[in-house]
Protein backbone atom coordinates (compact mmCIF):
# COMPACT_ATOMS: atom_id res chain seq x y z
CA MET A 1 0.00 0.00 0.00
CA LYS A 2 1.20 3.52 -0.71
CA SER A 3 0.88 4.62 2.90
CA SER A 4 3.10 1.70 3.99
CA ARG A 5 5.82 2.79 1.58
CA LEU A 6 5.63 6.42 2.68
CA VAL A 7 6.07 5.49 6.32
CA SER A 8 8.85 3.05 5.36
CA ILE A 9 10.73 5.79 3.49
CA LEU A 10 10.52 8.04 6.54
CA LEU A 11 11.84 5.32 8.83
CA LEU A 12 14.60 4.26 6.43
CA LEU A 13 15.90 7.79 5.99
CA GLN A 14 15.67 8.46 9.70
CA THR A 15 17.61 5.33 10.65
CA ARG A 16 20.09 5.14 7.74
CA GLY A 17 20.53 8.75 6.76
CA ARG A 18 21.09 9.54 3.06
CA MET A 19 19.75 6.98 0.56
CA THR A 20 19.47 7.09 -3.20
CA ALA A 21 16.26 6.46 -5.09
CA ALA A 22 17.75 3.18 -6.34
CA GLN A 23 18.57 2.07 -2.80
CA LEU A 24 15.09 2.92 -1.59
CA ALA A 25 13.53 1.12 -4.56
CA GLU A 26 15.58 -2.01 -3.84
CA GLU A 27 14.71 -1.92 -0.14
CA LEU A 28 10.99 -1.44 -0.80
CA GLU A 29 10.91 -3.75 -3.83
CA VAL A 30 9.36 -1.12 -6.10
CA SER A 31 10.50 0.81 -9.17
CA VAL A 32 12.65 3.93 -8.99
CA ARG A 33 9.79 5.83 -10.63
CA THR A 34 7.52 4.79 -7.74
CA VAL A 35 10.08 6.13 -5.26
CA TYR A 36 10.12 9.47 -7.10
CA ARG A 37 6.32 9.70 -6.80
CA ASP A 38 6.40 8.76 -3.12
CA VAL A 39 9.07 11.38 -2.38
CA GLU A 40 6.93 14.01 -4.08
CA ALA A 41 3.94 12.93 -1.96
CA LEU A 42 5.98 13.25 1.23
CA GLY A 43 7.16 16.71 0.21
CA ALA A 44 3.58 17.76 -0.53
CA ALA A 45 2.59 16.47 2.92
CA GLY A 46 5.11 18.83 4.55
CA VAL A 47 7.94 16.39 5.30
CA PRO A 48 11.32 18.23 5.05
CA LEU A 49 12.92 15.78 2.65
CA TYR A 50 15.66 16.90 0.27
CA GLY A 51 17.38 15.33 -2.72
CA ASP A 52 20.99 15.97 -3.68
CA ALA A 53 22.27 15.32 -7.21
CA GLY A 54 25.61 13.81 -8.07
CA HIS A 55 27.57 10.66 -7.35
CA ALA A 56 27.29 11.08 -3.56
CA GLY A 57 23.74 12.38 -3.74
CA GLY A 58 20.50 10.91 -2.52
CA TYR A 59 17.52 11.74 -0.36
CA ARG A 60 17.80 12.83 3.24
CA LEU A 61 15.67 14.38 5.95
CA LEU A 62 16.34 17.89 7.18
CA ASP A 63 18.84 17.80 10.04
CA GLY A 64 17.00 17.54 13.34
CA TYR A 65 13.79 16.23 11.83
CA ARG A 66 12.60 13.01 13.42
CA THR A 67 9.27 11.34 13.04
CA ARG A 68 7.80 10.09 16.29
CA LEU A 69 7.18 6.73 14.63
CA THR A 70 10.68 5.54 15.59
CA GLY A 71 10.54 1.85 16.41
CA LEU A 72 7.33 1.24 14.46
CA THR A 73 7.33 -0.33 11.03
CA ALA A 74 4.82 0.80 8.45
CA ASP A 75 2.78 -2.36 8.95
CA GLU A 76 2.79 -1.84 12.72
CA ALA A 77 1.60 1.74 12.34
CA GLU A 78 -1.27 0.67 10.12
CA ALA A 79 -2.02 -2.35 12.33
CA LEU A 80 -2.76 -0.02 15.21
CA PHE A 81 -5.66 1.34 13.20
CA LEU A 82 -6.81 -2.13 12.19
CA ALA A 83 -6.79 -3.26 15.82
CA GLY A 84 -10.55 -2.87 16.09
CA VAL A 85 -10.74 -5.19 19.09
CA PRO A 86 -11.36 -2.83 22.03
CA GLY A 87 -13.19 -5.57 23.94
CA PRO A 88 -10.25 -7.99 24.24
CA ALA A 89 -7.85 -5.08 24.81
CA ALA A 90 -10.05 -3.83 27.64
CA GLN A 91 -10.28 -7.34 29.12
CA LEU A 92 -6.49 -7.36 29.38
CA GLY A 93 -6.45 -3.87 30.86
CA LEU A 94 -4.93 -2.44 27.67
CA GLY A 95 -7.88 -0.44 26.38
CA PRO A 96 -6.51 2.98 27.43
CA VAL A 97 -3.01 1.98 26.26
CA LEU A 98 -4.28 1.03 22.80
CA ALA A 99 -6.28 4.24 22.51
CA ALA A 100 -3.28 6.34 23.61
CA ALA A 101 -0.98 4.58 21.12
CA GLN A 102 -3.39 5.20 18.26
CA LEU A 103 -3.73 8.85 19.23
CA LYS A 104 0.04 9.37 19.36
CA VAL A 105 0.62 7.67 16.03
CA ARG A 106 -2.15 9.69 14.39
CA ALA A 107 -0.70 12.93 15.78
CA ALA A 108 2.78 12.03 14.52
CA LEU A 109 1.71 11.27 10.96
CA PRO A 110 1.81 13.84 8.17
CA PRO A 111 -1.65 14.96 6.99
CA GLU A 112 -1.75 12.57 4.01
CA LEU A 113 -0.94 9.52 6.11
CA ARG A 114 -3.23 10.67 8.92
CA ALA A 115 -6.10 10.87 6.46
CA HIS A 116 -5.27 7.37 5.24
CA THR A 117 -5.34 5.86 8.74
CA ASP A 118 -8.66 7.60 9.35
CA ARG A 119 -10.00 5.91 6.22
CA ILE A 120 -8.72 2.56 7.48
CA SER A 121 -10.45 3.05 10.83
CA GLY A 122 -13.66 4.03 9.09
CA ARG A 123 -13.72 1.11 6.68
CA PHE A 124 -12.44 -1.90 8.65
CA HIS A 125 -13.49 -3.13 12.07
CA LEU A 126 -12.40 -6.44 13.60
CA ASP A 127 -14.82 -8.05 16.04
CA ALA A 128 -13.25 -11.15 17.61
CA PRO A 129 -15.96 -12.45 20.01
CA GLY A 130 -18.80 -14.68 18.83
CA TRP A 131 -22.34 -13.46 18.14
CA TYR A 132 -23.92 -14.68 21.34
CA THR A 133 -21.32 -13.34 23.72
CA ASP A 134 -22.89 -10.94 26.20
CA ALA A 135 -20.55 -7.97 26.50
CA GLY A 136 -22.05 -7.18 29.88
CA VAL A 137 -21.18 -10.58 31.34
CA ASP A 138 -17.62 -11.42 32.33
CA GLU A 139 -17.19 -15.00 31.07
CA THR A 140 -13.52 -15.04 32.03
CA PRO A 141 -13.42 -13.62 35.57
CA HIS A 142 -9.82 -14.78 36.10
CA LEU A 143 -8.44 -13.31 32.86
CA ALA A 144 -6.94 -10.23 34.49
CA ALA A 145 -5.12 -12.34 37.08
CA VAL A 146 -3.82 -14.70 34.40
CA ALA A 147 -2.65 -11.76 32.26
CA ASP A 148 -0.86 -10.25 35.26
CA ALA A 149 0.89 -13.56 35.89
CA VAL A 150 1.92 -13.71 32.21
CA TRP A 151 3.39 -10.18 32.34
CA ASN A 152 5.27 -10.82 35.58
CA SER A 153 6.22 -14.50 35.14
CA ARG A 154 4.39 -15.54 38.31
CA ILE A 155 3.31 -19.08 39.21
CA LEU A 156 -0.44 -19.76 39.34
CA HIS A 157 -2.30 -22.41 41.30
CA ILE A 158 -5.72 -23.15 39.81
CA VAL A 159 -8.72 -25.43 40.02
CA TYR A 160 -9.59 -26.33 36.43
CA ARG A 161 -12.67 -27.98 34.93
CA ARG A 162 -11.82 -30.33 32.08
CA TRP A 163 -13.88 -32.58 29.82
CA ARG A 164 -13.07 -35.99 31.24
CA GLU A 165 -13.29 -37.46 34.73
CA PRO A 166 -12.25 -36.32 37.21
CA THR A 167 -13.57 -33.04 35.85
CA ASP A 168 -12.26 -30.64 38.52
CA VAL A 169 -8.49 -30.86 38.98
CA GLU A 170 -5.77 -28.78 40.62
CA ARG A 171 -2.90 -27.54 38.50
CA ARG A 172 0.27 -25.49 38.96
CA LEU A 173 0.88 -23.25 35.94
CA GLU A 174 3.82 -21.33 34.58
CA PRO A 175 1.86 -19.03 32.23
CA TYR A 176 3.88 -18.27 29.10
CA GLY A 177 1.25 -16.42 27.09
CA LEU A 178 -2.40 -15.77 26.24
CA VAL A 179 -4.16 -16.52 22.96
CA LEU A 180 -7.55 -15.22 21.81
CA LYS A 181 -9.16 -17.76 19.47
CA ALA A 182 -12.72 -17.39 18.13
CA GLY A 183 -13.75 -15.25 21.09
CA ARG A 184 -12.20 -17.51 23.74
CA TRP A 185 -9.07 -16.91 25.78
CA TYR A 186 -6.50 -19.68 26.21
CA VAL A 187 -3.40 -19.66 28.40
CA VAL A 188 -0.34 -21.58 27.26
CA ALA A 189 1.54 -22.68 30.34
CA GLY A 190 4.35 -24.91 31.52
CA PRO A 191 5.40 -27.42 32.32
CA GLY A 192 4.84 -28.98 28.95
CA PRO A 193 3.72 -26.53 27.76
CA ARG A 194 -0.01 -27.26 27.87
CA THR A 195 -3.07 -25.22 26.88
CA PHE A 196 -5.98 -24.29 29.17
CA ARG A 197 -9.20 -22.41 28.50
CA VAL A 198 -9.28 -19.42 30.83
CA ASP A 199 -13.06 -19.54 31.23
CA ARG A 200 -12.73 -23.06 32.68
CA ILE A 201 -10.59 -21.88 35.58
CA LEU A 202 -12.85 -22.22 38.63
CA GLU A 203 -10.45 -20.96 41.28
CA LEU A 204 -7.14 -19.15 41.02
CA THR A 205 -4.41 -18.27 43.48
CA ALA A 206 -1.49 -16.13 42.35
CA SER A 207 1.81 -16.72 44.13
CA ASP A 208 4.91 -14.59 44.51
CA GLU A 209 7.01 -17.41 43.06
CA VAL A 210 8.65 -16.45 39.78
CA PHE A 211 9.38 -18.87 36.94
CA THR A 212 11.86 -18.60 34.07
CA ARG A 213 10.34 -18.54 30.61
CA PRO A 214 12.04 -21.10 28.30
CA ASP A 215 14.64 -19.57 26.02
CA GLY A 216 13.43 -19.25 22.48
CA PHE A 217 9.78 -20.01 23.26
CA ASP A 218 7.65 -18.64 20.42
CA LEU A 219 3.99 -18.33 21.38
CA ALA A 220 2.69 -17.95 17.81
CA ALA A 221 4.72 -20.92 16.55
CA HIS A 222 3.63 -23.04 19.51
CA TRP A 223 -0.04 -22.21 18.92
CA THR A 224 0.21 -23.16 15.24
CA ALA A 225 1.80 -26.49 16.17
CA TYR A 226 -0.76 -27.04 18.92
CA GLN A 227 -3.68 -26.61 16.52
CA GLN A 228 -2.12 -29.02 14.03
CA GLY A 229 -1.41 -31.50 16.82
CA PHE A 230 -4.98 -31.20 18.08
CA ARG A 231 -6.37 -32.16 14.69
CA GLU A 232 -3.96 -35.08 14.43
CA ARG A 233 -4.86 -36.31 17.93
CA LEU A 234 -8.53 -36.36 17.02
CA TYR A 235 -7.77 -38.94 14.34
CA ARG A 236 -5.03 -40.84 16.18
CA ASP A 237 -6.84 -41.30 19.50
CA GLY A 238 -9.79 -42.97 17.80
CA ALA A 239 -12.60 -41.03 19.48
CA GLU A 240 -15.23 -40.72 16.79
CA ALA A 241 -18.92 -40.59 16.03
CA VAL A 242 -20.87 -42.08 13.15
CA VAL A 243 -23.60 -39.77 11.90
CA ARG A 244 -26.14 -39.33 9.13
CA LEU A 245 -26.11 -35.95 7.37
CA ALA A 246 -28.98 -34.42 5.44
CA PRO A 247 -28.44 -33.72 1.71
CA GLY A 248 -26.20 -30.71 1.18
CA VAL A 249 -24.99 -30.64 4.79
CA THR A 250 -21.23 -30.77 5.36
CA LEU A 251 -19.27 -31.23 8.56
CA ALA A 252 -15.60 -30.47 9.09
CA ARG A 253 -13.39 -33.58 9.18
CA ALA A 254 -16.31 -35.86 8.24
CA VAL A 255 -15.30 -38.92 6.19
CA PRO A 256 -18.18 -40.51 4.18
CA LEU A 257 -18.57 -44.25 4.74
CA ASP A 258 -18.97 -46.73 1.92
CA VAL A 259 -22.51 -47.86 2.72
CA PRO A 260 -25.53 -48.38 0.44
CA ALA A 261 -27.22 -45.11 -0.43
CA ALA A 262 -30.38 -44.45 1.59
CA ALA A 263 -33.66 -43.61 -0.10
CA ASP A 264 -33.63 -40.17 1.54
CA ASP A 265 -30.15 -39.38 0.11
CA TRP A 266 -28.68 -38.82 3.55
CA THR A 267 -24.94 -39.46 3.90
CA VAL A 268 -23.41 -41.69 6.56
CA ALA A 269 -20.04 -40.39 7.77
CA ARG A 270 -17.42 -40.91 10.45
CA VAL A 271 -16.41 -37.80 12.45
CA PRO A 272 -13.53 -37.54 14.97
CA ILE A 273 -14.68 -35.97 18.26
CA GLU A 274 -12.90 -34.52 21.26
CA SER A 275 -15.45 -35.79 23.78
CA VAL A 276 -19.14 -36.70 24.11
CA GLU A 277 -19.83 -33.38 25.81
CA HIS A 278 -18.09 -31.35 23.12
CA ALA A 279 -19.71 -33.31 20.26
CA HIS A 280 -23.12 -32.95 21.93
CA ALA A 281 -22.86 -29.16 21.80
CA GLU A 282 -21.44 -29.07 18.26
CA PHE A 283 -23.95 -31.50 16.70
CA LEU A 284 -26.97 -29.79 18.27
CA ARG A 285 -26.11 -26.74 16.17
CA LEU A 286 -27.20 -28.68 13.06
CA GLY A 287 -30.64 -29.43 14.48
CA ALA A 288 -32.60 -31.95 12.44
CA ASP A 289 -29.95 -32.07 9.69
CA ILE A 290 -27.87 -34.62 11.60
CA GLU A 291 -28.59 -37.96 13.27
CA VAL A 292 -26.01 -39.56 15.56
CA LEU A 293 -25.83 -43.34 15.12
CA ARG A 294 -23.02 -43.99 17.57
CA PRO A 295 -21.50 -43.92 20.12
CA PRO A 296 -24.64 -44.85 22.08
CA GLU A 297 -23.88 -42.45 24.95
CA LEU A 298 -23.74 -39.51 22.53
CA ARG A 299 -26.97 -40.53 20.82
CA GLU A 300 -28.68 -40.93 24.21
CA ARG A 301 -27.33 -37.59 25.41
CA ILE A 302 -28.73 -35.76 22.37
CA ALA A 303 -32.05 -37.64 22.59
CA ARG A 304 -32.38 -36.61 26.23
CA THR A 305 -31.70 -32.97 25.35
CA VAL A 306 -34.26 -33.07 22.54
CA SER A 307 -36.85 -34.57 24.91
CA GLU A 308 -36.19 -31.77 27.38
CA LEU A 309 -36.64 -29.20 24.61
CA VAL A 310 -39.92 -30.81 23.55
CA ALA A 311 -41.13 -30.59 27.15
CA VAL A 312 -40.37 -26.88 27.14
CA TYR A 313 -41.58 -26.01 23.63
CA GLY A 314 -44.17 -28.74 23.11
CA ASN A 315 -47.00 -26.53 24.30
CA SER A 316 -47.65 -24.12 21.45
CA THR A 317 -49.18 -21.52 23.76
CA VAL A 318 -46.68 -18.82 24.65
CA GLY A 319 -46.11 -18.57 28.38
CA GLY A 320 -47.37 -22.09 29.09
CA GLY A 321 -51.07 -21.14 29.24
CA ASN A 322 -53.93 -23.43 28.13
């Protein structure tokens, strides 16, 4: 994007001093003609940028001029205005910090770039949480404490609710980092490391004990590997359901089975599942477009839920009247 190049030129000249148009073009992977146009745009925006002819010539900023974007790349500057996630930032206690950073960057930009970031803010908004998340209800009451432990490398002692028995377990965590995925917060913690959903922490005690973060630990790389490993474990561990799917209905990771076609054109498929509880919630989303054939406990669990729903909604009179 043009605004990215303009900011990059400012930062390059500020950090490296004099640079020729050819050097800038090579660094930015654009043509020399594009650099000429960008330099003209910066000059029109009021940036004191000068070009000297000759063998030792090149572009330079007026002595003493420094943009307050030092330390920020062009992508980082623009990312601040694409960070339309005030909810998660506020949950971590960073709402005012994010707002202040955006204000400072906007104030430091020349008019042309400031107008561009305003257009970005007005045209793109990122909303991470799911549709049915109530902004007024704190679904992760221990998030602030977990975030504080992440910042300060403090040991946590928690009571955690997991899928399998025993459901409520005690754990000692060395919290390395937090991840926001599809509206849910996860903490990646040692030893291991292992991953825990923050909203499943029932009790939390923060200690004064400090841990040492492993050298070279990369949170983003670990999360990518964790997601891939999760998908592989679903297949390797053998937990699966066999279901019938209505015509046109698809389900992630479903593998059609080679069985005689039914008269109703429904498809029989095998689907890896994390647990009966998790599959129960996921399959109910499809309503009458899915039928669970096995395992029996999953089929019975869904049948029981449907019976309970019929008991609630079976009377067509609103409010339960006669």
